[in-house]
PDB file of N, CA and C in Angstrom:
ATOM      1  N   UNK A   1       2.732  19.724   4.312  1.00  0.00           N
ATOM      2  CA  UNK A   1       2.526  18.503   5.067  1.00  0.00           C
ATOM      3  C   UNK A   1       1.156  18.499   5.717  1.00  0.00           C
ATOM      4  N   UNK A   2       0.674  19.679   6.130  1.00  0.00           N
ATOM      5  CA  UNK A   2      -0.641  19.752   6.749  1.00  0.00           C
ATOM      6  C   UNK A   2      -1.726  19.368   5.757  1.00  0.00           C
ATOM      7  N   UNK A   3      -1.521  19.717   4.488  1.00  0.00           N
ATOM      8  CA  UNK A   3      -2.491  19.357   3.463  1.00  0.00           C
ATOM      9  C   UNK A   3      -2.551  17.864   3.241  1.00  0.00           C
ATOM     10  N   UNK A   4      -1.415  17.215   3.301  1.00  0.00           N
ATOM     11  CA  UNK A   4      -1.379  15.754   3.140  1.00  0.00           C
ATOM     12  C   UNK A   4      -2.103  15.077   4.288  1.00  0.00           C
ATOM     13  N   UNK A   5      -1.974  15.635   5.462  1.00  0.00           N
ATOM     14  CA  UNK A   5      -2.638  15.044   6.624  1.00  0.00           C
ATOM     15  C   UNK A   5      -4.159  15.174   6.518  1.00  0.00           C
ATOM     16  N   UNK A   6      -4.626  16.248   5.941  1.00  0.00           N
ATOM     17  CA  UNK A   6      -6.065  16.447   5.792  1.00  0.00           C
ATOM     18  C   UNK A   6      -6.673  15.419   4.847  1.00  0.00           C
ATOM     19  N   UNK A   7      -5.916  14.964   3.861  1.00  0.00           N
ATOM     20  CA  UNK A   7      -6.419  13.980   2.906  1.00  0.00           C
ATOM     21  C   UNK A   7      -6.376  12.567   3.469  1.00  0.00           C
ATOM     22  N   UNK A   8      -5.589  12.349   4.482  1.00  0.00           N
ATOM     23  CA  UNK A   8      -5.447  11.041   5.087  1.00  0.00           C
ATOM     24  C   UNK A   8      -6.603  10.805   6.067  1.00  0.00           C
ATOM     25  N   UNK A   9      -7.241   9.661   5.987  1.00  0.00           N
ATOM     26  CA  UNK A   9      -8.388   9.356   6.848  1.00  0.00           C
ATOM     27  C   UNK A   9      -8.000   9.410   8.318  1.00  0.00           C
ATOM     28  N   UNK A  10      -6.880   8.796   8.656  1.00  0.00           N
ATOM     29  CA  UNK A  10      -6.461   8.792  10.061  1.00  0.00           C
ATOM     30  C   UNK A  10      -6.073  10.187  10.519  1.00  0.00           C
ATOM     31  N   UNK A  11      -5.515  10.969   9.631  1.00  0.00           N
ATOM     32  CA  UNK A  11      -5.197  12.347   9.964  1.00  0.00           C
ATOM     33  C   UNK A  11      -6.447  13.147  10.261  1.00  0.00           C
ATOM     34  N   UNK A  12      -7.468  12.917   9.451  1.00  0.00           N
ATOM     35  CA  UNK A  12      -8.741  13.610   9.682  1.00  0.00           C
ATOM     36  C   UNK A  12      -9.340  13.202  11.017  1.00  0.00           C
ATOM     37  N   UNK A  13      -9.307  11.909  11.296  1.00  0.00           N
ATOM     38  CA  UNK A  13      -9.848  11.432  12.571  1.00  0.00           C
ATOM     39  C   UNK A  13      -9.068  12.000  13.750  1.00  0.00           C
ATOM     40  N   UNK A  14      -7.763  12.070  13.622  1.00  0.00           N
ATOM     41  CA  UNK A  14      -6.943  12.641  14.690  1.00  0.00           C
ATOM     42  C   UNK A  14      -7.280  14.109  14.900  1.00  0.00           C
ATOM     43  N   UNK A  15      -7.444  14.843  13.809  1.00  0.00           N
ATOM     44  CA  UNK A  15      -7.797  16.255  13.917  1.00  0.00           C
ATOM     45  C   UNK A  15      -9.157  16.433  14.579  1.00  0.00           C
ATOM     46  N   UNK A  16     -10.121  15.604  14.184  1.00  0.00           N
ATOM     47  CA  UNK A  16     -11.446  15.682  14.803  1.00  0.00           C
ATOM     48  C   UNK A  16     -11.383  15.350  16.290  1.00  0.00           C
ATOM     49  N   UNK A  17     -10.564  14.379  16.624  1.00  0.00           N
ATOM     50  CA  UNK A  17     -10.419  14.013  18.032  1.00  0.00           C
ATOM     51  C   UNK A  17      -9.817  15.139  18.848  1.00  0.00           C
ATOM     52  N   UNK A  18      -8.822  15.807  18.274  1.00  0.00           N
ATOM     53  CA  UNK A  18      -8.205  16.935  18.974  1.00  0.00           C
ATOM     54  C   UNK A  18      -9.207  18.069  19.151  1.00  0.00           C
ATOM     55  N   UNK A  19     -10.006  18.315  18.121  1.00  0.00           N
ATOM     56  CA  UNK A  19     -11.032  19.363  18.223  1.00  0.00           C
ATOM     57  C   UNK A  19     -12.046  19.014  19.306  1.00  0.00           C
ATOM     58  N   UNK A  20     -12.448  17.767  19.347  1.00  0.00           N
ATOM     59  CA  UNK A  20     -13.421  17.337  20.349  1.00  0.00           C
ATOM     60  C   UNK A  20     -12.840  17.475  21.753  1.00  0.00           C
ATOM     61  N   UNK A  21     -11.572  17.095  21.930  1.00  0.00           N
ATOM     62  CA  UNK A  21     -10.933  17.249  23.238  1.00  0.00           C
ATOM     63  C   UNK A  21     -10.877  18.719  23.647  1.00  0.00           C
ATOM     64  N   UNK A  22     -10.569  19.577  22.697  1.00  0.00           N
ATOM     65  CA  UNK A  22     -10.491  21.008  22.993  1.00  0.00           C
ATOM     66  C   UNK A  22     -11.857  21.530  23.439  1.00  0.00           C
ATOM     67  N   UNK A  23     -12.910  21.140  22.722  1.00  0.00           N
ATOM     68  CA  UNK A  23     -14.261  21.596  23.080  1.00  0.00           C
ATOM     69  C   UNK A  23     -14.676  21.056  24.444  1.00  0.00           C
ATOM     70  N   UNK A  24     -14.343  19.792  24.713  1.00  0.00           N
ATOM     71  CA  UNK A  24     -14.702  19.203  26.001  1.00  0.00           C
ATOM     72  C   UNK A  24     -13.987  19.906  27.157  1.00  0.00           C
ATOM     73  N   UNK A  25     -12.732  20.244  26.950  1.00  0.00           N
ATOM     74  CA  UNK A  25     -11.981  20.883  28.033  1.00  0.00           C
ATOM     75  C   UNK A  25     -12.515  22.276  28.330  1.00  0.00           C
ATOM     76  N   UNK A  26     -13.134  22.907  27.344  1.00  0.00           N
ATOM     77  CA  UNK A  26     -13.696  24.243  27.560  1.00  0.00           C
ATOM     78  C   UNK A  26     -15.066  24.184  28.231  1.00  0.00           C
ATOM     79  N   UNK A  27     -15.747  23.052  28.164  1.00  0.00           N
ATOM     80  CA  UNK A  27     -17.071  22.923  28.767  1.00  0.00           C
ATOM     81  C   UNK A  27     -16.934  22.788  30.287  1.00  0.00           C
ATOM     82  N   UNK A  28     -17.991  23.186  31.022  1.00  0.00           N
ATOM     83  CA  UNK A  28     -17.940  23.030  32.486  1.00  0.00           C
ATOM     84  C   UNK A  28     -17.786  21.544  32.860  1.00  0.00           C
ATOM     85  N   UNK A  29     -16.801  21.262  33.665  1.00  0.00           N
ATOM     86  CA  UNK A  29     -16.536  19.878  34.063  1.00  0.00           C
ATOM     87  C   UNK A  29     -15.831  19.076  32.988  1.00  0.00           C
ATOM     88  N   UNK A  30     -15.548  19.694  31.887  1.00  0.00           N
ATOM     89  CA  UNK A  30     -14.944  18.989  30.760  1.00  0.00           C
ATOM     90  C   UNK A  30     -13.499  18.599  30.999  1.00  0.00           C
ATOM     91  N   UNK A  31     -12.789  19.407  31.775  1.00  0.00           N
ATOM     92  CA  UNK A  31     -11.384  19.086  32.048  1.00  0.00           C
ATOM     93  C   UNK A  31     -11.279  17.747  32.774  1.00  0.00           C
ATOM     94  N   UNK A  32     -12.217  17.522  33.665  1.00  0.00           N
ATOM     95  CA  UNK A  32     -12.215  16.254  34.407  1.00  0.00           C
ATOM     96  C   UNK A  32     -12.456  15.091  33.446  1.00  0.00           C
ATOM     97  N   UNK A  33     -13.385  15.271  32.519  1.00  0.00           N
ATOM     98  CA  UNK A  33     -13.682  14.220  31.544  1.00  0.00           C
ATOM     99  C   UNK A  33     -12.481  13.950  30.647  1.00  0.00           C
ATOM    100  N   UNK A  34     -11.815  15.005  30.226  1.00  0.00           N
ATOM    101  CA  UNK A  34     -10.627  14.841  29.388  1.00  0.00           C
ATOM    102  C   UNK A  34      -9.547  14.096  30.173  1.00  0.00           C
ATOM    103  N   UNK A  35      -9.420  14.395  31.451  1.00  0.00           N
ATOM    104  CA  UNK A  35      -8.453  13.688  32.300  1.00  0.00           C
ATOM    105  C   UNK A  35      -8.768  12.206  32.395  1.00  0.00           C
ATOM    106  N   UNK A  36     -10.042  11.890  32.540  1.00  0.00           N
ATOM    107  CA  UNK A  36     -10.448  10.483  32.595  1.00  0.00           C
ATOM    108  C   UNK A  36     -10.162   9.791  31.265  1.00  0.00           C
ATOM    109  N   UNK A  37     -10.457  10.461  30.171  1.00  0.00           N
ATOM    110  CA  UNK A  37     -10.181   9.879  28.855  1.00  0.00           C
ATOM    111  C   UNK A  37      -8.689   9.620  28.657  1.00  0.00           C
ATOM    112  N   UNK A  38      -7.864  10.570  29.082  1.00  0.00           N
ATOM    113  CA  UNK A  38      -6.415  10.390  28.939  1.00  0.00           C
ATOM    114  C   UNK A  38      -5.911   9.245  29.811  1.00  0.00           C
ATOM    115  N   UNK A  39      -6.423   9.137  31.037  1.00  0.00           N
ATOM    116  CA  UNK A  39      -5.971   8.042  31.908  1.00  0.00           C
ATOM    117  C   UNK A  39      -6.452   6.699  31.368  1.00  0.00           C
ATOM    118  N   UNK A  40      -7.636   6.680  30.762  1.00  0.00           N
ATOM    119  CA  UNK A  40      -8.132   5.442  30.155  1.00  0.00           C
ATOM    120  C   UNK A  40      -7.244   5.037  28.993  1.00  0.00           C
ATOM    121  N   UNK A  41      -6.833   5.998  28.199  1.00  0.00           N
ATOM    122  CA  UNK A  41      -5.928   5.705  27.078  1.00  0.00           C
ATOM    123  C   UNK A  41      -4.619   5.106  27.592  1.00  0.00           C
ATOM    124  N   UNK A  42      -4.089   5.691  28.677  1.00  0.00           N
ATOM    125  CA  UNK A  42      -2.843   5.175  29.246  1.00  0.00           C
ATOM    126  C   UNK A  42      -3.020   3.744  29.755  1.00  0.00           C
ATOM    127  N   UNK A  43      -4.149   3.471  30.354  1.00  0.00           N
ATOM    128  CA  UNK A  43      -4.415   2.119  30.854  1.00  0.00           C
ATOM    129  C   UNK A  43      -4.530   1.113  29.719  1.00  0.00           C
ATOM    130  N   UNK A  44      -5.190   1.505  28.652  1.00  0.00           N
ATOM    131  CA  UNK A  44      -5.331   0.613  27.494  1.00  0.00           C
ATOM    132  C   UNK A  44      -3.966   0.324  26.881  1.00  0.00           C
ATOM    133  N   UNK A  45      -3.115   1.331  26.794  1.00  0.00           N
ATOM    134  CA  UNK A  45      -1.767   1.123  26.261  1.00  0.00           C
ATOM    135  C   UNK A  45      -0.983   0.158  27.136  1.00  0.00           C
ATOM    136  N   UNK A  46      -1.124   0.288  28.457  1.00  0.00           N
ATOM    137  CA  UNK A  46      -0.434  -0.619  29.380  1.00  0.00           C
ATOM    138  C   UNK A  46      -0.941  -2.051  29.216  1.00  0.00           C
ATOM    139  N   UNK A  47      -2.245  -2.201  29.056  1.00  0.00           N
ATOM    140  CA  UNK A  47      -2.813  -3.537  28.837  1.00  0.00           C
ATOM    141  C   UNK A  47      -2.299  -4.148  27.537  1.00  0.00           C
ATOM    142  N   UNK A  48      -2.168  -3.334  26.506  1.00  0.00           N
ATOM    143  CA  UNK A  48      -1.641  -3.831  25.232  1.00  0.00           C
ATOM    144  C   UNK A  48      -0.217  -4.338  25.396  1.00  0.00           C
ATOM    145  N   UNK A  49       0.592  -3.625  26.163  1.00  0.00           N
ATOM    146  CA  UNK A  49       1.969  -4.064  26.407  1.00  0.00           C
ATOM    147  C   UNK A  49       1.975  -5.404  27.144  1.00  0.00           C
ATOM    148  N   UNK A  50       1.103  -5.543  28.126  1.00  0.00           N
ATOM    149  CA  UNK A  50       1.058  -6.797  28.889  1.00  0.00           C
ATOM    150  C   UNK A  50       0.606  -7.963  28.025  1.00  0.00           C
ATOM    151  N   UNK A  51      -0.356  -7.727  27.176  1.00  0.00           N
ATOM    152  CA  UNK A  51      -0.847  -8.798  26.295  1.00  0.00           C
ATOM    153  C   UNK A  51       0.252  -9.233  25.339  1.00  0.00           C
ATOM    154  N   UNK A  52       1.003  -8.273  24.813  1.00  0.00           N
ATOM    155  CA  UNK A  52       2.126  -8.629  23.932  1.00  0.00           C
ATOM    156  C   UNK A  52       3.146  -9.464  24.687  1.00  0.00           C
ATOM    157  N   UNK A  53       3.355  -9.174  25.960  1.00  0.00           N
ATOM    158  CA  UNK A  53       4.272  -9.952  26.784  1.00  0.00           C
ATOM    159  C   UNK A  53       3.766 -11.362  27.017  1.00  0.00           C
ATOM    160  N   UNK A  54       2.466 -11.530  27.052  1.00  0.00           N
ATOM    161  CA  UNK A  54       1.892 -12.863  27.257  1.00  0.00           C
ATOM    162  C   UNK A  54       2.180 -13.773  26.069  1.00  0.00           C
ATOM    163  N   UNK A  55       2.253 -13.218  24.875  1.00  0.00           N
ATOM    164  CA  UNK A  55       2.584 -14.024  23.700  1.00  0.00           C
ATOM    165  C   UNK A  55       3.948 -14.677  23.866  1.00  0.00           C
ATOM    166  N   UNK A  56       4.906 -13.911  24.370  1.00  0.00           N
ATOM    167  CA  UNK A  56       6.240 -14.462  24.597  1.00  0.00           C
ATOM    168  C   UNK A  56       6.205 -15.559  25.663  1.00  0.00           C
ATOM    169  N   UNK A  57       5.425 -15.329  26.711  1.00  0.00           N
ATOM    170  CA  UNK A  57       5.308 -16.339  27.759  1.00  0.00           C
ATOM    171  C   UNK A  57       4.674 -17.625  27.242  1.00  0.00           C
ATOM    172  N   UNK A  58       3.676 -17.500  26.382  1.00  0.00           N
ATOM    173  CA  UNK A  58       3.044 -18.685  25.803  1.00  0.00           C
ATOM    174  C   UNK A  58       4.029 -19.479  24.954  1.00  0.00           C
ATOM    175  N   UNK A  59       4.883 -18.792  24.211  1.00  0.00           N
ATOM    176  CA  UNK A  59       5.893 -19.476  23.405  1.00  0.00           C
ATOM    177  C   UNK A  59       6.878 -20.215  24.302  1.00  0.00           C
ATOM    178  N   UNK A  60       7.310 -19.556  25.371  1.00  0.00           N
ATOM    179  CA  UNK A  60       8.241 -20.201  26.298  1.00  0.00           C
ATOM    180  C   UNK A  60       7.599 -21.406  26.968  1.00  0.00           C
ATOM    181  N   UNK A  61       6.338 -21.278  27.349  1.00  0.00           N
ATOM    182  CA  UNK A  61       5.630 -22.387  27.977  1.00  0.00           C
ATOM    183  C   UNK A  61       5.509 -23.567  27.029  1.00  0.00           C
ATOM    184  N   UNK A  62       5.195 -23.315  25.781  1.00  0.00           N
ATOM    185  CA  UNK A  62       5.085 -24.393  24.795  1.00  0.00           C
ATOM    186  C   UNK A  62       6.423 -25.100  24.626  1.00  0.00           C
ATOM    187  N   UNK A  63       7.518 -24.335  24.606  1.00  0.00           N
ATOM    188  CA  UNK A  63       8.850 -24.941  24.479  1.00  0.00           C
ATOM    189  C   UNK A  63       9.166 -25.801  25.692  1.00  0.00           C
ATOM    190  N   UNK A  64       8.835 -25.323  26.873  1.00  0.00           N
ATOM    191  CA  UNK A  64       9.071 -26.105  28.087  1.00  0.00           C
ATOM    192  C   UNK A  64       8.232 -27.375  28.108  1.00  0.00           C
ATOM    193  N   UNK A  65       6.986 -27.285  27.662  1.00  0.00           N
ATOM    194  CA  UNK A  65       6.133 -28.478  27.612  1.00  0.00           C
ATOM    195  C   UNK A  65       6.713 -29.517  26.663  1.00  0.00           C
ATOM    196  N   UNK A  66       7.251 -29.074  25.533  1.00  0.00           N
ATOM    197  CA  UNK A  66       7.878 -30.022  24.602  1.00  0.00           C
ATOM    198  C   UNK A  66       9.089 -30.693  25.246  1.00  0.00           C
ATOM    199  N   UNK A  67       9.875 -29.913  25.979  1.00  0.00           N
ATOM    200  CA  UNK A  67      11.044 -30.482  26.648  1.00  0.00           C
ATOM    201  C   UNK A  67      10.631 -31.510  27.700  1.00  0.00           C
ATOM    202  N   UNK A  68       9.610 -31.206  28.461  1.00  0.00           N
ATOM    203  CA  UNK A  68       9.137 -32.137  29.488  1.00  0.00           C
ATOM    204  C   UNK A  68       8.629 -33.415  28.837  1.00  0.00           C
ATOM    205  N   UNK A  69       7.875 -33.290  27.761  1.00  0.00           N
ATOM    206  CA  UNK A  69       7.387 -34.480  27.047  1.00  0.00           C
ATOM    207  C   UNK A  69       8.552 -35.314  26.531  1.00  0.00           C
ATOM    208  N   UNK A  70       9.550 -34.651  26.003  1.00  0.00           N
ATOM    209  CA  UNK A  70      10.720 -35.356  25.471  1.00  0.00           C
ATOM    210  C   UNK A  70      11.458 -36.089  26.587  1.00  0.00           C
ATOM    211  N   UNK A  71      11.616 -35.433  27.731  1.00  0.00           N
ATOM    212  CA  UNK A  71      12.277 -36.064  28.869  1.00  0.00           C
ATOM    213  C   UNK A  71      11.461 -37.223  29.422  1.00  0.00           C
ATOM    214  N   UNK A  72      10.145 -37.069  29.438  1.00  0.00           N
ATOM    215  CA  UNK A  72       9.285 -38.135  29.949  1.00  0.00           C
ATOM    216  C   UNK A  72       9.374 -39.369  29.057  1.00  0.00           C
ATOM    217  N   UNK A  73       9.492 -39.179  27.757  1.00  0.00           N
ATOM    218  CA  UNK A  73       9.609 -40.307  26.834  1.00  0.00           C
ATOM    219  C   UNK A  73      10.984 -40.962  26.944  1.00  0.00           C
ATOM    220  N   UNK A  74      12.003 -40.172  27.257  1.00  0.00           N
ATOM    221  CA  UNK A  74      13.361 -40.696  27.338  1.00  0.00           C
ATOM    222  C   UNK A  74      13.627 -41.413  28.652  1.00  0.00           C
ATOM    223  N   UNK A  75      12.821 -41.178  29.674  1.00  0.00           N
ATOM    224  CA  UNK A  75      13.030 -41.816  30.980  1.00  0.00           C
ATOM    225  C   UNK A  75      12.780 -43.316  30.855  1.00  0.00           C
ATOM    226  N   UNK A  76      13.644 -44.130  31.461  1.00  0.00           N
ATOM    227  CA  UNK A  76      13.455 -45.585  31.359  1.00  0.00           C
ATOM    228  C   UNK A  76      12.209 -46.020  32.127  1.00  0.00           C
ATOM    229  N   UNK A  77      11.370 -46.776  31.445  1.00  0.00           N
ATOM    230  CA  UNK A  77      10.141 -47.244  32.092  1.00  0.00           C
ATOM    231  C   UNK A  77      10.421 -48.395  33.030  1.00  0.00           C
ATOM    232  N   UNK A  78      11.577 -49.071  32.915  1.00  0.00           N
ATOM    233  CA  UNK A  78      11.922 -50.191  33.787  1.00  0.00           C
ATOM    234  C   UNK A  78      12.206 -49.699  35.203  1.00  0.00           C
ATOM    235  N   UNK A  79      12.555 -48.471  35.348  1.00  0.00           N
ATOM    236  CA  UNK A  79      12.867 -47.935  36.660  1.00  0.00           C
ATOM    237  C   UNK A  79      11.638 -47.712  37.513  1.00  0.00           C
ATOM    238  N   UNK A  80      10.493 -47.755  36.923  1.00  0.00           N
ATOM    239  CA  UNK A  80       9.250 -47.553  37.668  1.00  0.00           C
ATOM    240  C   UNK A  80       8.816 -48.851  38.306  1.00  0.00           C
ATOM    241  N   UNK A  81       8.315 -48.745  39.497  1.00  0.00           N
ATOM    242  CA  UNK A  81       7.817 -49.933  40.197  1.00  0.00           C
ATOM    243  C   UNK A  81       6.332 -50.062  39.954  1.00  0.00           C
ATOM    244  N   UNK A  82       5.916 -51.279  39.744  1.00  0.00           N
ATOM    245  CA  UNK A  82       4.490 -51.501  39.599  1.00  0.00           C
ATOM    246  C   UNK A  82       3.890 -51.639  40.978  1.00  0.00           C
ATOM    247  N   UNK A  83       2.614 -51.373  41.128  1.00  0.00           N
ATOM    248  CA  UNK A  83       1.997 -51.478  42.446  1.00  0.00           C
ATOM    249  C   UNK A  83       2.101 -52.902  42.970  1.00  0.00           C
ATOM    250  N   UNK A  84       2.482 -53.014  44.205  1.00  0.00           N
ATOM    251  CA  UNK A  84       2.669 -54.339  44.783  1.00  0.00           C
ATOM    252  C   UNK A  84       1.320 -54.920  45.207  1.00  0.00           C
ATOM    253  N   UNK A  85       1.262 -56.244  45.203  1.00  0.00           N
ATOM    254  CA  UNK A  85       0.025 -56.909  45.630  1.00  0.00           C
ATOM    255  C   UNK A  85       0.086 -57.154  47.115  1.00  0.00           C
ATOM    256  N   UNK A  86      -1.069 -57.239  47.732  1.00  0.00           N
ATOM    257  CA  UNK A  86      -1.135 -57.462  49.174  1.00  0.00           C
ATOM    258  C   UNK A  86      -0.720 -58.894  49.485  1.00  0.00           C
ATOM    259  N   UNK A  87       0.101 -59.025  50.498  1.00  0.00           N
ATOM    260  CA  UNK A  87       0.496 -60.346  50.934  1.00  0.00           C
ATOM    261  C   UNK A  87      -0.224 -60.658  52.221  1.00  0.00           C
ATOM    262  N   UNK A  88      -0.789 -61.875  52.338  1.00  0.00           N
ATOM    263  CA  UNK A  88      -1.529 -62.238  53.535  1.00  0.00           C
ATOM    264  C   UNK A  88      -0.703 -63.070  54.443  1.00  0.00           C
TER     265      UNK A  88
END
């Protein structure tokens, strides 16, 4: 299985990334940098989850707007009062 991963482009990139993280953590001050990189990754993942949630909200909003438009068209226009004129 390790051989198959080496032939895969994403597997190679993942391996290179792990090697780079290992080298950075061994460098002076590198552990702090690795910590920042990991927290940034976590933040990006959280943002991705929120953006996916916004898609659902947009769909719900569009459905509600259609319902409001439908109700507005169904409301009797005779029930509305026209602006009254000034009486002297």
